Amino acid sequence: MNFSSDTRFHRQLVLFNGLLPALLILLDGLRGKLGANPVEFVTRATGVLSLVFLVITLMVTPLRKLFGWNWLLKQRRLLGLFSFYYGIAHLLTYLGFDRDWKLQSVPADIYKRPFIAIGMLTFVLLIPLAVTSTNAMIKTLGGKRWAQLHRLTYVAAIGGVLHYYMIVKSDISYPVLFGVVVALLLGYRVYVSLRKPTKSAA
């Protein structure tokens, strides 16, 4: 069995690892092992997981080019959808437990707490990326326009890091680490773009 070319195996691998954190959170919740503040834990965990999968999505291109892991390319959209999935979970936890489903209170909370505004904006950026993740939408938009739209991933990653940094009250090591990784990934793309040979005029 050639694991490097087995698309079904890779998809199952990504699905398993993508759903595993949610399953572990659910099991810990049922056993009452989410700590002294379960709501805060779930909110923080789902937000971090959304950012993790977003960063992994950005890592696909450099890993493929540097190490020849071409199989990652076929799983990139699924990785991006997991970022959206955990982003939805993060949002619903906030709306359900922080706002008690009183949606009319959200605008005032956004104004009062800027990190909520950054988080909301970041989630909004993920919506068109998720909606256009199908082959049909790629065909409808065209490859070039689809690629341009999905550059929003870079903005979303920056927004996610900023949102995380603004939430943390004391130890900022993790959001700073995420920031460094995102900066390196975006820097790599800038470097590759600048190295592309320009077409000579005809």
Protein backbone atom coordinates (compact mmCIF):
# COMPACT_ATOMS: atom_id res chain seq x y z
CA MET A 1 0.00 0.00 0.00
CA ASN A 2 1.44 3.35 -1.10
CA PHE A 3 0.46 5.81 1.63
CA SER A 4 1.96 8.75 -0.28
CA SER A 5 -0.63 8.35 -3.06
CA ASP A 6 -3.60 6.92 -1.14
CA THR A 7 -6.06 9.84 -1.16
CA ARG A 8 -8.70 7.92 0.79
CA PHE A 9 -6.24 7.14 3.59
CA HIS A 10 -5.12 10.77 3.82
CA ARG A 11 -8.73 12.02 3.93
CA GLN A 12 -9.59 9.56 6.69
CA LEU A 13 -6.45 10.63 8.56
CA VAL A 14 -7.40 14.31 8.35
CA LEU A 15 -11.02 13.56 9.30
CA PHE A 16 -9.98 11.51 12.32
CA ASN A 17 -7.52 14.10 13.62
CA GLY A 18 -9.92 16.94 12.85
CA LEU A 19 -12.83 15.42 14.76
CA LEU A 20 -10.74 14.00 17.62
CA PRO A 21 -10.44 17.27 19.60
CA ALA A 22 -14.22 17.78 19.47
CA LEU A 23 -14.77 14.21 20.67
CA LEU A 24 -12.30 14.64 23.55
CA ILE A 25 -13.94 17.91 24.61
CA LEU A 26 -17.36 16.21 24.52
CA LEU A 27 -16.16 13.24 26.57
CA ASP A 28 -14.46 15.47 29.14
CA GLY A 29 -17.64 17.54 29.33
CA LEU A 30 -19.77 14.47 30.00
CA ARG A 31 -17.35 13.39 32.74
CA GLY A 32 -17.21 16.88 34.26
CA LYS A 33 -13.50 17.28 33.59
CA LEU A 34 -13.41 20.63 31.83
CA GLY A 35 -12.04 22.50 34.82
CA ALA A 36 -13.53 25.10 37.14
CA ASN A 37 -14.96 27.13 34.24
CA PRO A 38 -16.15 24.70 31.51
CA VAL A 39 -17.66 27.45 29.35
CA GLU A 40 -14.42 29.42 29.24
CA PHE A 41 -12.48 26.24 28.48
CA VAL A 42 -14.72 25.24 25.56
CA THR A 43 -14.77 28.79 24.20
CA ARG A 44 -10.99 29.09 24.37
CA ALA A 45 -10.37 25.55 23.05
CA THR A 46 -12.62 25.90 19.99
CA GLY A 47 -11.11 29.28 19.16
CA VAL A 48 -7.57 27.95 19.36
CA LEU A 49 -8.51 24.88 17.30
CA SER A 50 -9.97 27.11 14.59
CA LEU A 51 -6.70 29.04 14.47
CA VAL A 52 -4.63 25.85 14.51
CA PHE A 53 -6.41 24.43 11.46
CA LEU A 54 -6.18 27.78 9.71
CA VAL A 55 -2.42 27.83 10.24
CA ILE A 56 -2.10 24.20 9.10
CA THR A 57 -4.00 25.16 5.95
CA LEU A 58 -1.44 27.89 5.29
CA MET A 59 1.36 25.38 5.85
CA VAL A 60 0.20 23.11 3.00
CA THR A 61 1.87 25.06 0.19
CA PRO A 62 5.35 25.43 1.76
CA LEU A 63 5.36 21.81 2.98
CA ARG A 64 4.37 20.60 -0.47
CA LYS A 65 7.04 22.65 -2.22
CA LEU A 66 9.83 22.07 0.30
CA PHE A 67 9.29 18.36 0.96
CA GLY A 68 7.30 17.20 -2.06
CA TRP A 69 4.25 16.25 0.04
CA ASN A 70 1.85 16.70 -2.86
CA TRP A 71 -0.84 14.65 -1.12
CA LEU A 72 -1.43 17.58 1.24
CA LEU A 73 -2.86 19.66 -1.59
CA LYS A 74 -5.93 17.42 -1.91
CA GLN A 75 -6.63 17.77 1.82
CA ARG A 76 -6.20 21.55 2.06
CA ARG A 77 -9.88 22.34 1.62
CA LEU A 78 -10.85 19.82 4.31
CA LEU A 79 -8.34 21.38 6.70
CA GLY A 80 -9.82 24.79 5.95
CA LEU A 81 -13.34 23.49 6.62
CA PHE A 82 -12.22 22.23 10.02
CA SER A 83 -11.05 25.76 10.81
CA PHE A 84 -14.54 26.99 9.87
CA TYR A 85 -16.19 24.18 11.86
CA TYR A 86 -14.34 25.06 15.04
CA GLY A 87 -14.93 28.73 14.32
CA ILE A 88 -18.69 28.05 14.29
CA ALA A 89 -18.37 26.12 17.56
CA HIS A 90 -16.44 29.05 19.04
CA LEU A 91 -19.11 31.52 17.92
CA LEU A 92 -22.02 29.39 19.14
CA THR A 93 -20.37 28.92 22.54
CA TYR A 94 -20.04 32.69 22.83
CA LEU A 95 -23.63 33.34 21.72
CA GLY A 96 -25.13 30.58 23.84
CA PHE A 97 -23.24 30.89 27.09
CA ASP A 98 -21.82 34.42 27.10
CA ARG A 99 -24.82 36.16 25.50
CA ASP A 100 -27.50 33.61 26.52
CA TRP A 101 -28.78 33.72 22.89
CA LYS A 102 -29.74 37.38 23.33
CA LEU A 103 -28.52 38.42 19.91
CA GLN A 104 -29.62 42.02 20.42
CA SER A 105 -26.90 42.35 23.06
CA VAL A 106 -24.11 41.36 20.65
CA PRO A 107 -23.59 44.77 18.92
CA ALA A 108 -23.11 46.50 22.29
CA ASP A 109 -20.69 43.78 23.38
CA ILE A 110 -18.74 44.18 20.15
CA TYR A 111 -18.45 47.92 20.82
CA LYS A 112 -17.50 47.36 24.46
CA ARG A 113 -14.91 44.63 23.84
CA PRO A 114 -12.80 45.22 20.70
CA PHE A 115 -11.43 41.67 20.68
CA ILE A 116 -15.00 40.46 20.03
CA ALA A 117 -15.14 42.73 16.97
CA ILE A 118 -11.85 41.30 15.66
CA GLY A 119 -13.12 37.76 16.26
CA MET A 120 -16.41 38.43 14.48
CA LEU A 121 -14.65 39.99 11.51
CA THR A 122 -12.29 37.03 11.29
CA PHE A 123 -15.20 34.59 11.32
CA VAL A 124 -17.00 36.59 8.62
CA LEU A 125 -13.89 36.24 6.43
CA LEU A 126 -14.05 32.46 6.84
CA ILE A 127 -17.61 32.26 5.51
CA PRO A 128 -16.87 32.92 1.80
CA LEU A 129 -13.86 30.62 2.03
CA ALA A 130 -16.04 27.78 3.31
CA VAL A 131 -18.88 28.48 0.85
CA THR A 132 -16.51 28.41 -2.14
CA SER A 133 -14.62 25.29 -1.05
CA THR A 134 -16.39 22.94 -3.49
CA ASN A 135 -15.21 21.96 -6.98
CA ALA A 136 -18.42 23.43 -8.39
CA MET A 137 -17.65 26.85 -6.91
CA ILE A 138 -14.08 26.72 -8.22
CA LYS A 139 -15.47 26.06 -11.68
CA THR A 140 -18.06 28.83 -11.31
CA LEU A 141 -15.58 31.45 -10.10
CA GLY A 142 -12.70 30.33 -12.26
CA GLY A 143 -9.34 29.29 -10.88
CA LYS A 144 -7.82 32.78 -10.86
CA ARG A 145 -10.71 34.52 -9.10
CA TRP A 146 -11.05 31.61 -6.67
CA ALA A 147 -7.36 31.87 -5.75
CA GLN A 148 -7.67 35.65 -5.28
CA LEU A 149 -10.69 35.19 -3.00
CA HIS A 150 -8.90 32.59 -0.91
CA ARG A 151 -6.13 35.03 -0.14
CA LEU A 152 -8.55 36.13 2.55
CA THR A 153 -7.08 33.18 4.44
CA TYR A 154 -4.01 35.32 5.15
CA VAL A 155 -6.14 38.15 6.56
CA ALA A 156 -8.19 35.69 8.61
CA ALA A 157 -5.03 34.17 10.09
CA ILE A 158 -3.75 37.61 11.13
CA GLY A 159 -7.17 38.43 12.60
CA GLY A 160 -7.24 35.13 14.50
CA VAL A 161 -3.83 35.79 16.03
CA LEU A 162 -4.81 39.33 17.00
CA HIS A 163 -8.08 38.11 18.51
CA TYR A 164 -6.22 35.51 20.55
CA TYR A 165 -3.58 38.02 21.69
CA MET A 166 -6.23 40.50 22.85
CA ILE A 167 -8.06 37.84 24.89
CA VAL A 168 -5.00 36.64 26.82
CA LYS A 169 -4.54 38.58 30.05
CA SER A 170 -1.14 37.39 31.28
CA ASP A 171 0.88 34.73 29.44
CA ILE A 172 1.07 35.85 25.81
CA SER A 173 3.54 33.17 24.73
CA TYR A 174 1.02 31.11 22.75
CA PRO A 175 -0.51 33.95 20.71
CA VAL A 176 3.01 35.29 20.08
CA LEU A 177 4.06 31.82 18.87
CA PHE A 178 1.08 31.71 16.52
CA GLY A 179 2.00 35.19 15.33
CA VAL A 180 5.57 34.15 14.56
CA VAL A 181 4.38 31.09 12.62
CA VAL A 182 1.86 33.11 10.61
CA ALA A 183 4.51 35.79 9.90
CA LEU A 184 6.92 33.12 8.64
CA LEU A 185 4.26 31.54 6.42
CA LEU A 186 3.27 34.88 4.92
CA GLY A 187 6.93 35.87 4.58
CA TYR A 188 7.58 32.65 2.67
CA ARG A 189 4.81 33.53 0.22
CA VAL A 190 6.19 37.02 -0.30
CA TYR A 191 9.67 35.56 -0.87
CA VAL A 192 8.39 33.04 -3.44
CA SER A 193 6.36 35.73 -5.19
CA LEU A 194 9.37 38.05 -5.49
CA ARG A 195 11.51 35.22 -6.88
CA LYS A 196 9.08 34.45 -9.71
CA PRO A 197 10.67 35.41 -13.04
CA THR A 198 8.94 38.27 -14.79
CA LYS A 199 7.81 37.73 -18.37
CA SER A 200 9.85 39.73 -20.84
CA ALA A 201 7.96 42.07 -23.09
CA ALA A 202 7.20 40.67 -26.54
